[in-house]
All heavy atoms as atom14 arrays in JSON, in Angstrom:
{
  "sequence": "VGTACGFRVKLNRAWLYFTPGVPFEFKQMVQEQFLPFVQQ",
  "atom14_mask": [
    [1, 1, 1, 1, 1, 1, 1, 0, 0, 0, 0, 0, 0, 0],
    [1, 1, 1, 1, 0, 0, 0, 0, 0, 0, 0, 0, 0, 0],
    [1, 1, 1, 1, 1, 1, 1, 0, 0, 0, 0, 0, 0, 0],
    [1, 1, 1, 1, 1, 0, 0, 0, 0, 0, 0, 0, 0, 0],
    [1, 1, 1, 1, 1, 1, 0, 0, 0, 0, 0, 0, 0, 0],
    [1, 1, 1, 1, 0, 0, 0, 0, 0, 0, 0, 0, 0, 0],
    [1, 1, 1, 1, 1, 1, 1, 1, 1, 1, 1, 0, 0, 0],
    [1, 1, 1, 1, 1, 1, 1, 1, 1, 1, 1, 0, 0, 0],
    [1, 1, 1, 1, 1, 1, 1, 0, 0, 0, 0, 0, 0, 0],
    [1, 1, 1, 1, 1, 1, 1, 1, 1, 0, 0, 0, 0, 0],
    [1, 1, 1, 1, 1, 1, 1, 1, 0, 0, 0, 0, 0, 0],
    [1, 1, 1, 1, 1, 1, 1, 1, 0, 0, 0, 0, 0, 0],
    [1, 1, 1, 1, 1, 1, 1, 1, 1, 1, 1, 0, 0, 0],
    [1, 1, 1, 1, 1, 0, 0, 0, 0, 0, 0, 0, 0, 0],
    [1, 1, 1, 1, 1, 1, 1, 1, 1, 1, 1, 1, 1, 1],
    [1, 1, 1, 1, 1, 1, 1, 1, 0, 0, 0, 0, 0, 0],
    [1, 1, 1, 1, 1, 1, 1, 1, 1, 1, 1, 1, 0, 0],
    [1, 1, 1, 1, 1, 1, 1, 1, 1, 1, 1, 0, 0, 0],
    [1, 1, 1, 1, 1, 1, 1, 0, 0, 0, 0, 0, 0, 0],
    [1, 1, 1, 1, 1, 1, 1, 0, 0, 0, 0, 0, 0, 0],
    [1, 1, 1, 1, 0, 0, 0, 0, 0, 0, 0, 0, 0, 0],
    [1, 1, 1, 1, 1, 1, 1, 0, 0, 0, 0, 0, 0, 0],
    [1, 1, 1, 1, 1, 1, 1, 0, 0, 0, 0, 0, 0, 0],
    [1, 1, 1, 1, 1, 1, 1, 1, 1, 1, 1, 0, 0, 0],
    [1, 1, 1, 1, 1, 1, 1, 1, 1, 0, 0, 0, 0, 0],
    [1, 1, 1, 1, 1, 1, 1, 1, 1, 1, 1, 0, 0, 0],
    [1, 1, 1, 1, 1, 1, 1, 1, 1, 0, 0, 0, 0, 0],
    [1, 1, 1, 1, 1, 1, 1, 1, 1, 0, 0, 0, 0, 0],
    [1, 1, 1, 1, 1, 1, 1, 1, 0, 0, 0, 0, 0, 0],
    [1, 1, 1, 1, 1, 1, 1, 0, 0, 0, 0, 0, 0, 0],
    [1, 1, 1, 1, 1, 1, 1, 1, 1, 0, 0, 0, 0, 0],
    [1, 1, 1, 1, 1, 1, 1, 1, 1, 0, 0, 0, 0, 0],
    [1, 1, 1, 1, 1, 1, 1, 1, 1, 0, 0, 0, 0, 0],
    [1, 1, 1, 1, 1, 1, 1, 1, 1, 1, 1, 0, 0, 0],
    [1, 1, 1, 1, 1, 1, 1, 1, 0, 0, 0, 0, 0, 0],
    [1, 1, 1, 1, 1, 1, 1, 0, 0, 0, 0, 0, 0, 0],
    [1, 1, 1, 1, 1, 1, 1, 1, 1, 1, 1, 0, 0, 0],
    [1, 1, 1, 1, 1, 1, 1, 0, 0, 0, 0, 0, 0, 0],
    [1, 1, 1, 1, 1, 1, 1, 1, 1, 0, 0, 0, 0, 0],
    [1, 1, 1, 1, 1, 1, 1, 1, 1, 0, 0, 0, 0, 0]
  ],
  "atom14_positions": [
    [[140.73, 136.3, 119.9], [139.34, 136.28, 119.4], [138.3, 136.12, 120.5], [137.14, 135.84, 120.22], [139.18, 135.13, 118.37], [139.93, 135.44, 117.08], [139.62, 133.78, 118.93], [0.0, 0.0, 0.0], [0.0, 0.0, 0.0], [0.0, 0.0, 0.0], [0.0, 0.0, 0.0], [0.0, 0.0, 0.0], [0.0, 0.0, 0.0], [0.0, 0.0, 0.0]],
    [[138.68, 136.34, 121.76], [137.72, 136.19, 122.84], [138.13, 136.94, 124.08], [139.19, 137.59, 124.11], [0.0, 0.0, 0.0], [0.0, 0.0, 0.0], [0.0, 0.0, 0.0], [0.0, 0.0, 0.0], [0.0, 0.0, 0.0], [0.0, 0.0, 0.0], [0.0, 0.0, 0.0], [0.0, 0.0, 0.0], [0.0, 0.0, 0.0], [0.0, 0.0, 0.0]],
    [[137.31, 136.84, 125.12], [137.56, 137.61, 126.34], [138.25, 136.79, 127.43], [138.6, 137.33, 128.48], [136.24, 138.15, 126.92], [135.38, 137.06, 127.25], [135.54, 139.05, 125.91], [0.0, 0.0, 0.0], [0.0, 0.0, 0.0], [0.0, 0.0, 0.0], [0.0, 0.0, 0.0], [0.0, 0.0, 0.0], [0.0, 0.0, 0.0], [0.0, 0.0, 0.0]],
    [[138.44, 135.49, 127.21], [139.11, 134.65, 128.2], [140.54, 134.37, 127.75], [140.77, 133.68, 126.77], [138.35, 133.33, 128.39], [0.0, 0.0, 0.0], [0.0, 0.0, 0.0], [0.0, 0.0, 0.0], [0.0, 0.0, 0.0], [0.0, 0.0, 0.0], [0.0, 0.0, 0.0], [0.0, 0.0, 0.0], [0.0, 0.0, 0.0], [0.0, 0.0, 0.0]],
    [[141.5, 134.93, 128.48], [142.89, 134.63, 128.12], [143.23, 133.22, 128.58], [142.58, 132.65, 129.45], [143.85, 135.63, 128.77], [143.99, 135.49, 130.57], [0.0, 0.0, 0.0], [0.0, 0.0, 0.0], [0.0, 0.0, 0.0], [0.0, 0.0, 0.0], [0.0, 0.0, 0.0], [0.0, 0.0, 0.0], [0.0, 0.0, 0.0], [0.0, 0.0, 0.0]],
    [[144.25, 132.66, 127.98], [144.8, 131.41, 128.47], [145.97, 131.71, 129.4], [146.38, 132.86, 129.56], [0.0, 0.0, 0.0], [0.0, 0.0, 0.0], [0.0, 0.0, 0.0], [0.0, 0.0, 0.0], [0.0, 0.0, 0.0], [0.0, 0.0, 0.0], [0.0, 0.0, 0.0], [0.0, 0.0, 0.0], [0.0, 0.0, 0.0], [0.0, 0.0, 0.0]],
    [[146.5, 130.65, 130.0], [147.71, 130.82, 130.81], [148.35, 129.46, 131.0], [147.73, 128.41, 130.78], [147.39, 131.47, 132.17], [146.5, 130.66, 133.07], [147.03, 129.76, 134.0], [145.12, 130.8, 133.01], [146.21, 129.03, 134.84], [144.27, 130.07, 133.84], [144.83, 129.17, 134.75], [0.0, 0.0, 0.0], [0.0, 0.0, 0.0], [0.0, 0.0, 0.0]],
    [[149.62, 129.5, 131.38], [150.31, 128.24, 131.69], [151.03, 128.37, 133.01], [151.51, 129.45, 133.4], [151.28, 127.84, 130.58], [152.35, 128.85, 130.23], [153.19, 128.33, 129.06], [154.02, 129.36, 128.47], [155.27, 129.65, 128.84], [155.8, 128.97, 129.84], [155.95, 130.6, 128.25], [0.0, 0.0, 0.0], [0.0, 0.0, 0.0], [0.0, 0.0, 0.0]],
    [[151.08, 127.24, 133.74], [151.66, 127.19, 135.08], [152.47, 125.88, 135.18], [152.04, 124.83, 134.7], [150.55, 127.2, 136.16], [151.15, 126.98, 137.54], [149.78, 128.5, 136.12], [0.0, 0.0, 0.0], [0.0, 0.0, 0.0], [0.0, 0.0, 0.0], [0.0, 0.0, 0.0], [0.0, 0.0, 0.0], [0.0, 0.0, 0.0], [0.0, 0.0, 0.0]],
    [[153.63, 125.96, 135.83], [154.43, 124.76, 136.07], [154.08, 124.2, 137.45], [154.15, 124.9, 138.46], [155.92, 125.09, 136.01], [156.82, 123.86, 135.99], [156.68, 123.08, 134.67], [157.6, 121.87, 134.62], [159.02, 122.25, 134.41], [0.0, 0.0, 0.0], [0.0, 0.0, 0.0], [0.0, 0.0, 0.0], [0.0, 0.0, 0.0], [0.0, 0.0, 0.0]],
    [[153.66, 122.93, 137.47], [153.36, 122.26, 138.73], [154.0, 120.88, 138.69], [153.75, 120.11, 137.74], [151.85, 122.13, 138.94], [151.39, 121.37, 140.19], [151.87, 122.08, 141.47], [149.87, 121.2, 140.19], [0.0, 0.0, 0.0], [0.0, 0.0, 0.0], [0.0, 0.0, 0.0], [0.0, 0.0, 0.0], [0.0, 0.0, 0.0], [0.0, 0.0, 0.0]],
    [[154.8, 120.56, 139.7], [155.54, 119.3, 139.72], [156.34, 119.16, 138.43], [157.1, 120.05, 138.09], [154.59, 118.13, 139.97], [153.92, 118.23, 141.34], [154.57, 118.56, 142.33], [152.62, 117.97, 141.4], [0.0, 0.0, 0.0], [0.0, 0.0, 0.0], [0.0, 0.0, 0.0], [0.0, 0.0, 0.0], [0.0, 0.0, 0.0], [0.0, 0.0, 0.0]],
    [[156.18, 118.09, 137.65], [156.98, 117.92, 136.43], [156.3, 118.52, 135.19], [156.89, 118.56, 134.11], [157.28, 116.44, 136.19], [156.05, 115.58, 135.9], [156.41, 114.16, 135.54], [156.74, 114.01, 134.12], [157.03, 112.86, 133.54], [157.02, 111.74, 134.27], [157.33, 112.79, 132.27], [0.0, 0.0, 0.0], [0.0, 0.0, 0.0], [0.0, 0.0, 0.0]],
    [[155.04, 118.97, 135.33], [154.25, 119.3, 134.14], [154.0, 120.79, 133.99], [153.87, 121.54, 134.96], [152.9, 118.58, 134.19], [0.0, 0.0, 0.0], [0.0, 0.0, 0.0], [0.0, 0.0, 0.0], [0.0, 0.0, 0.0], [0.0, 0.0, 0.0], [0.0, 0.0, 0.0], [0.0, 0.0, 0.0], [0.0, 0.0, 0.0], [0.0, 0.0, 0.0]],
    [[153.94, 121.19, 132.72], [153.34, 122.47, 132.37], [151.84, 122.23, 132.16], [151.45, 121.39, 131.35], [153.92, 123.02, 131.08], [155.2, 123.79, 131.24], [156.45, 123.38, 130.88], [155.34, 125.1, 131.76], [157.39, 124.36, 131.16], [156.72, 125.44, 131.7], [154.46, 126.05, 132.29], [157.23, 126.66, 132.14], [154.97, 127.25, 132.73], [156.33, 127.56, 132.65]],
    [[151.0, 122.95, 132.9], [149.56, 122.92, 132.66], [149.2, 124.13, 131.83], [149.46, 125.27, 132.22], [148.78, 122.9, 133.97], [148.83, 121.56, 134.71], [149.99, 121.53, 135.7], [147.5, 121.28, 135.43], [0.0, 0.0, 0.0], [0.0, 0.0, 0.0], [0.0, 0.0, 0.0], [0.0, 0.0, 0.0], [0.0, 0.0, 0.0], [0.0, 0.0, 0.0]],
    [[148.62, 123.89, 130.68], [148.36, 124.92, 129.68], [146.85, 125.08, 129.55], [146.15, 124.21, 129.06], [148.98, 124.48, 128.35], [149.24, 125.58, 127.35], [150.54, 126.02, 127.13], [148.23, 126.14, 126.59], [150.81, 127.02, 126.18], [148.47, 127.14, 125.66], [149.77, 127.57, 125.46], [150.04, 128.56, 124.53], [0.0, 0.0, 0.0], [0.0, 0.0, 0.0]],
    [[146.32, 126.22, 130.04], [144.88, 126.43, 130.14], [144.34, 127.17, 128.92], [144.88, 128.2, 128.5], [144.55, 127.2, 131.41], [144.76, 126.4, 132.66], [146.04, 126.18, 133.16], [143.68, 125.86, 133.34], [146.24, 125.43, 134.32], [143.87, 125.1, 134.5], [145.13, 124.89, 134.97], [0.0, 0.0, 0.0], [0.0, 0.0, 0.0], [0.0, 0.0, 0.0]],
    [[143.25, 126.65, 128.36], [142.65, 127.21, 127.15], [141.14, 127.35, 127.33], [140.53, 126.59, 128.07], [142.9, 126.3, 125.93], [142.37, 124.99, 126.2], [144.38, 126.2, 125.62], [0.0, 0.0, 0.0], [0.0, 0.0, 0.0], [0.0, 0.0, 0.0], [0.0, 0.0, 0.0], [0.0, 0.0, 0.0], [0.0, 0.0, 0.0], [0.0, 0.0, 0.0]],
    [[140.52, 128.31, 126.65], [139.06, 128.47, 126.74], [138.33, 127.34, 126.04], [138.88, 126.66, 125.19], [138.81, 129.81, 126.03], [139.97, 129.99, 125.11], [141.13, 129.34, 125.79], [0.0, 0.0, 0.0], [0.0, 0.0, 0.0], [0.0, 0.0, 0.0], [0.0, 0.0, 0.0], [0.0, 0.0, 0.0], [0.0, 0.0, 0.0], [0.0, 0.0, 0.0]],
    [[137.06, 127.15, 126.44], [136.29, 126.05, 125.88], [135.59, 126.37, 124.58], [135.16, 125.45, 123.87], [0.0, 0.0, 0.0], [0.0, 0.0, 0.0], [0.0, 0.0, 0.0], [0.0, 0.0, 0.0], [0.0, 0.0, 0.0], [0.0, 0.0, 0.0], [0.0, 0.0, 0.0], [0.0, 0.0, 0.0], [0.0, 0.0, 0.0], [0.0, 0.0, 0.0]],
    [[135.43, 127.65, 124.25], [134.76, 128.02, 122.99], [135.59, 127.47, 121.83], [136.78, 127.8, 121.7], [134.63, 129.55, 122.87], [133.96, 129.93, 121.55], [133.85, 130.1, 124.05], [0.0, 0.0, 0.0], [0.0, 0.0, 0.0], [0.0, 0.0, 0.0], [0.0, 0.0, 0.0], [0.0, 0.0, 0.0], [0.0, 0.0, 0.0], [0.0, 0.0, 0.0]],
    [[135.0, 126.62, 120.97], [135.81, 125.89, 119.99], [136.7, 126.75, 119.1], [137.87, 126.44, 118.92], [134.75, 125.14, 119.17], [133.65, 124.89, 120.15], [133.6, 126.13, 121.01], [0.0, 0.0, 0.0], [0.0, 0.0, 0.0], [0.0, 0.0, 0.0], [0.0, 0.0, 0.0], [0.0, 0.0, 0.0], [0.0, 0.0, 0.0], [0.0, 0.0, 0.0]],
    [[136.17, 127.84, 118.53], [137.02, 128.59, 117.6], [138.13, 129.34, 118.33], [139.22, 129.56, 117.79], [136.19, 129.52, 116.72], [135.7, 130.78, 117.38], [136.46, 131.94, 117.32], [134.49, 130.81, 118.03], [136.0, 133.11, 117.93], [134.02, 131.98, 118.63], [134.78, 133.14, 118.58], [0.0, 0.0, 0.0], [0.0, 0.0, 0.0], [0.0, 0.0, 0.0]],
    [[137.91, 129.71, 119.61], [138.98, 130.31, 120.4], [140.02, 129.25, 120.75], [141.23, 129.5, 120.66], [138.39, 130.93, 121.68], [137.41, 132.05, 121.45], [136.85, 132.61, 122.74], [137.52, 132.47, 123.79], [135.74, 133.17, 122.73], [0.0, 0.0, 0.0], [0.0, 0.0, 0.0], [0.0, 0.0, 0.0], [0.0, 0.0, 0.0], [0.0, 0.0, 0.0]],
    [[139.54, 128.12, 121.17], [140.43, 127.0, 121.56], [141.31, 126.58, 120.4], [142.53, 126.43, 120.55], [139.56, 125.85, 122.04], [140.26, 124.53, 122.16], [141.27, 124.33, 123.11], [139.93, 123.47, 121.32], [141.91, 123.12, 123.23], [140.57, 122.25, 121.43], [141.57, 122.07, 122.37], [0.0, 0.0, 0.0], [0.0, 0.0, 0.0], [0.0, 0.0, 0.0]],
    [[140.72, 126.4, 119.22], [141.48, 125.9, 118.08], [142.56, 126.9, 117.64], [143.68, 126.51, 117.32], [140.53, 125.59, 116.93], [139.63, 124.38, 117.19], [138.64, 124.14, 116.08], [137.73, 122.97, 116.4], [136.73, 122.73, 115.34], [0.0, 0.0, 0.0], [0.0, 0.0, 0.0], [0.0, 0.0, 0.0], [0.0, 0.0, 0.0], [0.0, 0.0, 0.0]],
    [[142.21, 128.16, 117.65], [143.2, 129.17, 117.24], [144.37, 129.21, 118.24], [145.52, 129.32, 117.84], [142.54, 130.55, 117.13], [143.5, 131.61, 116.6], [142.76, 132.83, 116.07], [141.6, 132.76, 115.68], [143.45, 133.97, 116.05], [0.0, 0.0, 0.0], [0.0, 0.0, 0.0], [0.0, 0.0, 0.0], [0.0, 0.0, 0.0], [0.0, 0.0, 0.0]],
    [[144.05, 129.11, 119.53], [145.1, 129.14, 120.53], [146.02, 127.91, 120.42], [147.24, 128.01, 120.55], [144.49, 129.2, 121.94], [145.51, 129.43, 123.03], [144.74, 129.7, 124.66], [143.99, 131.32, 124.42], [0.0, 0.0, 0.0], [0.0, 0.0, 0.0], [0.0, 0.0, 0.0], [0.0, 0.0, 0.0], [0.0, 0.0, 0.0], [0.0, 0.0, 0.0]],
    [[145.43, 126.75, 120.16], [146.23, 125.55, 120.0], [147.18, 125.68, 118.8], [148.38, 125.39, 118.9], [145.33, 124.3, 119.85], [146.14, 123.1, 119.37], [144.66, 123.98, 121.16], [0.0, 0.0, 0.0], [0.0, 0.0, 0.0], [0.0, 0.0, 0.0], [0.0, 0.0, 0.0], [0.0, 0.0, 0.0], [0.0, 0.0, 0.0], [0.0, 0.0, 0.0]],
    [[146.65, 126.11, 117.69], [147.44, 126.17, 116.45], [148.5, 127.26, 116.5], [149.64, 127.06, 116.03], [146.52, 126.38, 115.25], [145.63, 125.18, 114.95], [144.57, 125.46, 113.93], [144.08, 126.58, 113.8], [144.17, 124.44, 113.18], [0.0, 0.0, 0.0], [0.0, 0.0, 0.0], [0.0, 0.0, 0.0], [0.0, 0.0, 0.0], [0.0, 0.0, 0.0]],
    [[148.15, 128.41, 117.06], [149.07, 129.55, 117.01], [149.99, 129.65, 118.2], [151.07, 130.28, 118.1], [148.26, 130.85, 116.86], [147.48, 130.93, 115.55], [146.72, 132.23, 115.41], [146.78, 133.07, 116.35], [146.05, 132.41, 114.37], [0.0, 0.0, 0.0], [0.0, 0.0, 0.0], [0.0, 0.0, 0.0], [0.0, 0.0, 0.0], [0.0, 0.0, 0.0]],
    [[149.6, 129.06, 119.34], [150.41, 129.25, 120.53], [150.83, 127.95, 121.22], [151.99, 127.81, 121.6], [149.65, 130.15, 121.51], [149.54, 131.6, 121.02], [148.29, 132.28, 121.54], [147.18, 131.91, 121.22], [148.51, 133.3, 122.36], [0.0, 0.0, 0.0], [0.0, 0.0, 0.0], [0.0, 0.0, 0.0], [0.0, 0.0, 0.0], [0.0, 0.0, 0.0]],
    [[149.9, 127.02, 121.37], [150.25, 125.79, 122.08], [151.26, 124.95, 121.29], [152.28, 124.5, 121.84], [149.0, 124.97, 122.37], [149.3, 123.67, 123.08], [149.62, 123.65, 124.42], [149.28, 122.46, 122.38], [149.92, 122.46, 125.07], [149.57, 121.26, 123.02], [149.89, 121.26, 124.38], [0.0, 0.0, 0.0], [0.0, 0.0, 0.0], [0.0, 0.0, 0.0]],
    [[151.0, 124.73, 120.03], [151.92, 123.92, 119.22], [153.33, 124.5, 119.19], [154.3, 123.77, 119.43], [151.37, 123.75, 117.8], [150.6, 122.45, 117.53], [149.93, 122.51, 116.18], [151.51, 121.25, 117.63], [0.0, 0.0, 0.0], [0.0, 0.0, 0.0], [0.0, 0.0, 0.0], [0.0, 0.0, 0.0], [0.0, 0.0, 0.0], [0.0, 0.0, 0.0]],
    [[153.49, 125.79, 118.89], [154.85, 126.35, 118.92], [155.52, 126.21, 120.31], [156.72, 125.98, 120.4], [154.64, 127.83, 118.57], [153.4, 127.83, 117.75], [152.52, 126.78, 118.37], [0.0, 0.0, 0.0], [0.0, 0.0, 0.0], [0.0, 0.0, 0.0], [0.0, 0.0, 0.0], [0.0, 0.0, 0.0], [0.0, 0.0, 0.0], [0.0, 0.0, 0.0]],
    [[154.72, 126.32, 121.38], [155.28, 126.19, 122.71], [155.85, 124.8, 122.93], [157.0, 124.65, 123.38], [154.2, 126.49, 123.75], [154.56, 126.06, 125.15], [155.51, 126.77, 125.88], [153.97, 124.94, 125.73], [155.87, 126.37, 127.16], [154.32, 124.53, 127.02], [155.27, 125.26, 127.73], [0.0, 0.0, 0.0], [0.0, 0.0, 0.0], [0.0, 0.0, 0.0]],
    [[155.09, 123.74, 122.64], [155.58, 122.38, 122.93], [156.72, 122.01, 121.98], [157.66, 121.31, 122.37], [154.46, 121.33, 122.85], [153.43, 121.57, 123.93], [153.8, 121.31, 121.49], [0.0, 0.0, 0.0], [0.0, 0.0, 0.0], [0.0, 0.0, 0.0], [0.0, 0.0, 0.0], [0.0, 0.0, 0.0], [0.0, 0.0, 0.0], [0.0, 0.0, 0.0]],
    [[156.66, 122.51, 120.74], [157.74, 122.2, 119.79], [159.04, 122.82, 120.23], [160.12, 122.21, 120.1], [157.34, 122.67, 118.4], [156.26, 121.8, 117.76], [155.66, 122.41, 116.51], [155.73, 123.63, 116.29], [155.06, 121.59, 115.67], [0.0, 0.0, 0.0], [0.0, 0.0, 0.0], [0.0, 0.0, 0.0], [0.0, 0.0, 0.0], [0.0, 0.0, 0.0]],
    [[158.97, 124.03, 120.79], [160.18, 124.7, 121.25], [160.64, 124.17, 122.61], [161.81, 123.89, 122.82], [159.94, 126.21, 121.34], [161.16, 126.98, 121.83], [160.93, 128.48, 121.85], [159.95, 128.97, 121.3], [161.85, 129.21, 122.46], [0.0, 0.0, 0.0], [0.0, 0.0, 0.0], [0.0, 0.0, 0.0], [0.0, 0.0, 0.0], [0.0, 0.0, 0.0]]
  ]
}
């Protein structure tokens, strides 16, 4: 729903998961992509 893609990078022990700041873009990405990622 926007022009800024997200991305994830592994650094040290952590996955850093980058998301846009626009609220409706951020919320959709969290619900549809971030949650399934951490659950899996």
